[in-house]
Amino acid sequence: QVQLVESGGGLVQAGGSLRVSCAASGSISSSNAMGWYRQAPGKQRELVAAITSGGTTNYGDSVKGRFTISTDSAKNAVYLQMNSLKPEDTAVYYCDLKWETIVRKFDYWGQGIQVTVSS
């Protein structure tokens, strides 16, 4: 059973910084992709950032240049450093871990963590 546990969310003023973390446990493929998605009230869930086990990163357009994703493969952890935060970054942030084999795709989600940016 794979579990993802997020931490580090909270309330921050606009222009500030916050770092959220996600630790994965269980039987996990060493070849995987981890990422962060977010969902604001009344909006669809969107990609914030993702990173593969090979180090390839992908960012949503709205966070490029402000957010940085990184991993610690030894800890099966992924981090999201968020700088220059804006009120529109307010959302529930979800950690995602996925990989696939020839016969099956695996996709696991954390429970979500609230990030609130005040103006």
C-alpha atoms as a PDB file:
ATOM      1  CA  GLN A   1       0.000   0.000   0.000  1.00  0.00           C
ATOM      2  CA  VAL A   2       1.457   3.344  -1.071  1.00  0.00           C
ATOM      3  CA  GLN A   3       0.759   6.388   1.056  1.00  0.00           C
ATOM      4  CA  LEU A   4       1.579  10.034   0.462  1.00  0.00           C
ATOM      5  CA  VAL A   5       1.696  12.480   3.346  1.00  0.00           C
ATOM      6  CA  GLU A   6       1.920  16.216   2.696  1.00  0.00           C
ATOM      7  CA  SER A   7       3.112  18.826   5.143  1.00  0.00           C
ATOM      8  CA  GLY A   8       4.123  22.452   5.324  1.00  0.00           C
ATOM      9  CA  GLY A   9       1.057  24.296   4.128  1.00  0.00           C
ATOM     10  CA  GLY A  10      -0.454  27.271   5.855  1.00  0.00           C
ATOM     11  CA  LEU A  11      -1.114  30.972   5.656  1.00  0.00           C
ATOM     12  CA  VAL A  12       1.364  33.422   4.168  1.00  0.00           C
ATOM     13  CA  GLN A  13       1.223  37.014   3.000  1.00  0.00           C
ATOM     14  CA  ALA A  14       1.480  37.927  -0.650  1.00  0.00           C
ATOM     15  CA  GLY A  15       5.097  38.123  -1.728  1.00  0.00           C
ATOM     16  CA  GLY A  16       6.139  35.584   0.862  1.00  0.00           C
ATOM     17  CA  SER A  17       7.481  32.062   0.557  1.00  0.00           C
ATOM     18  CA  LEU A  18       6.353  28.637   1.633  1.00  0.00           C
ATOM     19  CA  ARG A  19       7.703  25.138   1.226  1.00  0.00           C
ATOM     20  CA  VAL A  20       5.480  22.092   1.081  1.00  0.00           C
ATOM     21  CA  SER A  21       6.719  18.541   1.367  1.00  0.00           C
ATOM     22  CA  CYS A  22       5.384  15.139   0.465  1.00  0.00           C
ATOM     23  CA  ALA A  23       6.735  11.842   1.721  1.00  0.00           C
ATOM     24  CA  ALA A  24       5.804   8.591   0.052  1.00  0.00           C
ATOM     25  CA  SER A  25       5.918   5.201   1.712  1.00  0.00           C
ATOM     26  CA  GLY A  26       5.240   1.673   0.550  1.00  0.00           C
ATOM     27  CA  SER A  27       6.300  -0.324  -2.461  1.00  0.00           C
ATOM     28  CA  ILE A  28       7.343   2.315  -4.988  1.00  0.00           C
ATOM     29  CA  SER A  29       8.989   1.946  -8.351  1.00  0.00           C
ATOM     30  CA  SER A  30      12.368   3.638  -8.622  1.00  0.00           C
ATOM     31  CA  SER A  31      11.311   4.919 -12.027  1.00  0.00           C
ATOM     32  CA  ASN A  32       8.492   7.301 -11.346  1.00  0.00           C
ATOM     33  CA  ALA A  33       7.192  10.826 -11.543  1.00  0.00           C
ATOM     34  CA  MET A  34       6.142  12.948  -8.598  1.00  0.00           C
ATOM     35  CA  GLY A  35       4.314  16.197  -8.755  1.00  0.00           C
ATOM     36  CA  TRP A  36       2.110  18.815  -7.223  1.00  0.00           C
ATOM     37  CA  TYR A  37      -1.345  19.783  -8.380  1.00  0.00           C
ATOM     38  CA  ARG A  38      -3.672  22.337  -6.905  1.00  0.00           C
ATOM     39  CA  GLN A  39      -7.364  23.020  -6.835  1.00  0.00           C
ATOM     40  CA  ALA A  40      -8.952  26.317  -5.912  1.00  0.00           C
ATOM     41  CA  PRO A  41     -12.650  26.598  -5.017  1.00  0.00           C
ATOM     42  CA  GLY A  42     -14.797  26.383  -8.121  1.00  0.00           C
ATOM     43  CA  LYS A  43     -11.851  25.542 -10.354  1.00  0.00           C
ATOM     44  CA  GLN A  44     -10.454  22.389 -11.884  1.00  0.00           C
ATOM     45  CA  ARG A  45      -7.381  20.703 -10.501  1.00  0.00           C
ATOM     46  CA  GLU A  46      -4.307  21.917 -12.342  1.00  0.00           C
ATOM     47  CA  LEU A  47      -0.674  20.941 -12.622  1.00  0.00           C
ATOM     48  CA  VAL A  48       1.691  23.043 -10.561  1.00  0.00           C
ATOM     49  CA  ALA A  49       4.934  21.160 -11.105  1.00  0.00           C
ATOM     50  CA  ALA A  50       6.180  17.655 -11.758  1.00  0.00           C
ATOM     51  CA  ILE A  51       9.528  15.920 -11.776  1.00  0.00           C
ATOM     52  CA  THR A  52      10.618  12.521 -13.034  1.00  0.00           C
ATOM     53  CA  SER A  53      13.100  10.210 -11.372  1.00  0.00           C
ATOM     54  CA  GLY A  54      15.473  11.245 -14.155  1.00  0.00           C
ATOM     55  CA  GLY A  55      15.230  14.871 -13.082  1.00  0.00           C
ATOM     56  CA  THR A  56      13.061  16.256 -15.866  1.00  0.00           C
ATOM     57  CA  THR A  57      10.776  18.993 -14.597  1.00  0.00           C
ATOM     58  CA  ASN A  58       7.582  20.522 -15.862  1.00  0.00           C
ATOM     59  CA  TYR A  59       5.845  23.609 -14.495  1.00  0.00           C
ATOM     60  CA  GLY A  60       2.462  25.184 -14.943  1.00  0.00           C
ATOM     61  CA  ASP A  61       2.671  28.502 -16.761  1.00  0.00           C
ATOM     62  CA  SER A  62       1.361  30.478 -13.812  1.00  0.00           C
ATOM     63  CA  VAL A  63       4.177  29.375 -11.489  1.00  0.00           C
ATOM     64  CA  LYS A  64       7.194  29.356 -13.790  1.00  0.00           C
ATOM     65  CA  GLY A  65      10.023  31.366 -12.317  1.00  0.00           C
ATOM     66  CA  ARG A  66       8.434  31.431  -8.856  1.00  0.00           C
ATOM     67  CA  PHE A  67       8.116  27.786  -7.811  1.00  0.00           C
ATOM     68  CA  THR A  68      10.772  25.083  -7.731  1.00  0.00           C
ATOM     69  CA  ILE A  69      10.176  21.363  -7.435  1.00  0.00           C
ATOM     70  CA  SER A  70      12.807  18.980  -6.104  1.00  0.00           C
ATOM     71  CA  THR A  71      13.084  15.444  -4.825  1.00  0.00           C
ATOM     72  CA  ASP A  72      15.015  13.325  -2.371  1.00  0.00           C
ATOM     73  CA  SER A  73      14.967   9.865  -3.895  1.00  0.00           C
ATOM     74  CA  ALA A  74      16.423   8.265  -0.768  1.00  0.00           C
ATOM     75  CA  LYS A  75      13.408   9.485   1.191  1.00  0.00           C
ATOM     76  CA  ASN A  76      10.865   9.107  -1.616  1.00  0.00           C
ATOM     77  CA  ALA A  77      10.046  12.732  -0.997  1.00  0.00           C
ATOM     78  CA  VAL A  78       9.133  15.660  -3.197  1.00  0.00           C
ATOM     79  CA  TYR A  79       9.261  19.306  -2.253  1.00  0.00           C
ATOM     80  CA  LEU A  80       7.758  22.463  -3.668  1.00  0.00           C
ATOM     81  CA  GLN A  81       9.442  25.741  -2.857  1.00  0.00           C
ATOM     82  CA  MET A  82       7.010  28.559  -3.520  1.00  0.00           C
ATOM     83  CA  ASN A  83       8.341  32.113  -3.732  1.00  0.00           C
ATOM     84  CA  SER A  84       6.698  35.421  -4.590  1.00  0.00           C
ATOM     85  CA  LEU A  85       3.358  33.977  -3.646  1.00  0.00           C
ATOM     86  CA  LYS A  86       0.193  35.628  -4.918  1.00  0.00           C
ATOM     87  CA  PRO A  87      -3.383  35.455  -3.616  1.00  0.00           C
ATOM     88  CA  GLU A  88      -4.291  33.468  -6.722  1.00  0.00           C
ATOM     89  CA  ASP A  89      -1.946  30.711  -5.535  1.00  0.00           C
ATOM     90  CA  THR A  90      -4.448  29.994  -2.773  1.00  0.00           C
ATOM     91  CA  ALA A  91      -5.643  26.415  -3.186  1.00  0.00           C
ATOM     92  CA  VAL A  92      -5.487  22.913  -1.831  1.00  0.00           C
ATOM     93  CA  TYR A  93      -2.234  21.400  -3.017  1.00  0.00           C
ATOM     94  CA  TYR A  94      -2.088  17.700  -3.769  1.00  0.00           C
ATOM     95  CA  CYS A  95       0.950  15.489  -4.070  1.00  0.00           C
ATOM     96  CA  ASP A  96       0.929  12.908  -6.852  1.00  0.00           C
ATOM     97  CA  LEU A  97       3.092   9.865  -7.495  1.00  0.00           C
ATOM     98  CA  LYS A  98       2.808   7.784 -10.622  1.00  0.00           C
ATOM     99  CA  TRP A  99       4.573   5.147 -12.628  1.00  0.00           C
ATOM    100  CA  GLU A 100       3.624   2.450 -15.070  1.00  0.00           C
ATOM    101  CA  THR A 101       4.589  -1.057 -15.997  1.00  0.00           C
ATOM    102  CA  ILE A 102       3.846  -2.932 -19.171  1.00  0.00           C
ATOM    103  CA  VAL A 103       0.536  -4.122 -17.760  1.00  0.00           C
ATOM    104  CA  ARG A 104      -0.590  -1.433 -15.331  1.00  0.00           C
ATOM    105  CA  LYS A 105      -0.510   2.246 -14.477  1.00  0.00           C
ATOM    106  CA  PHE A 106      -0.126   3.335 -10.861  1.00  0.00           C
ATOM    107  CA  ASP A 107      -1.291   6.743  -9.663  1.00  0.00           C
ATOM    108  CA  TYR A 108      -1.421   7.765  -5.988  1.00  0.00           C
ATOM    109  CA  TRP A 109      -2.568  11.017  -4.387  1.00  0.00           C
ATOM    110  CA  GLY A 110      -2.045  12.647  -1.050  1.00  0.00           C
ATOM    111  CA  GLN A 111      -4.900  13.967   1.021  1.00  0.00           C
ATOM    112  CA  GLY A 112      -4.210  17.577   0.101  1.00  0.00           C
ATOM    113  CA  ILE A 113      -2.857  20.498   2.070  1.00  0.00           C
ATOM    114  CA  GLN A 114      -4.208  24.031   2.241  1.00  0.00           C
ATOM    115  CA  VAL A 115      -2.095  26.964   1.107  1.00  0.00           C
ATOM    116  CA  THR A 116      -3.607  30.381   1.668  1.00  0.00           C
ATOM    117  CA  VAL A 117      -2.006  33.595   0.445  1.00  0.00           C
ATOM    118  CA  SER A 118      -3.413  36.783   1.905  1.00  0.00           C
ATOM    119  CA  SER A 119      -3.294  40.091   0.075  1.00  0.00           C
END
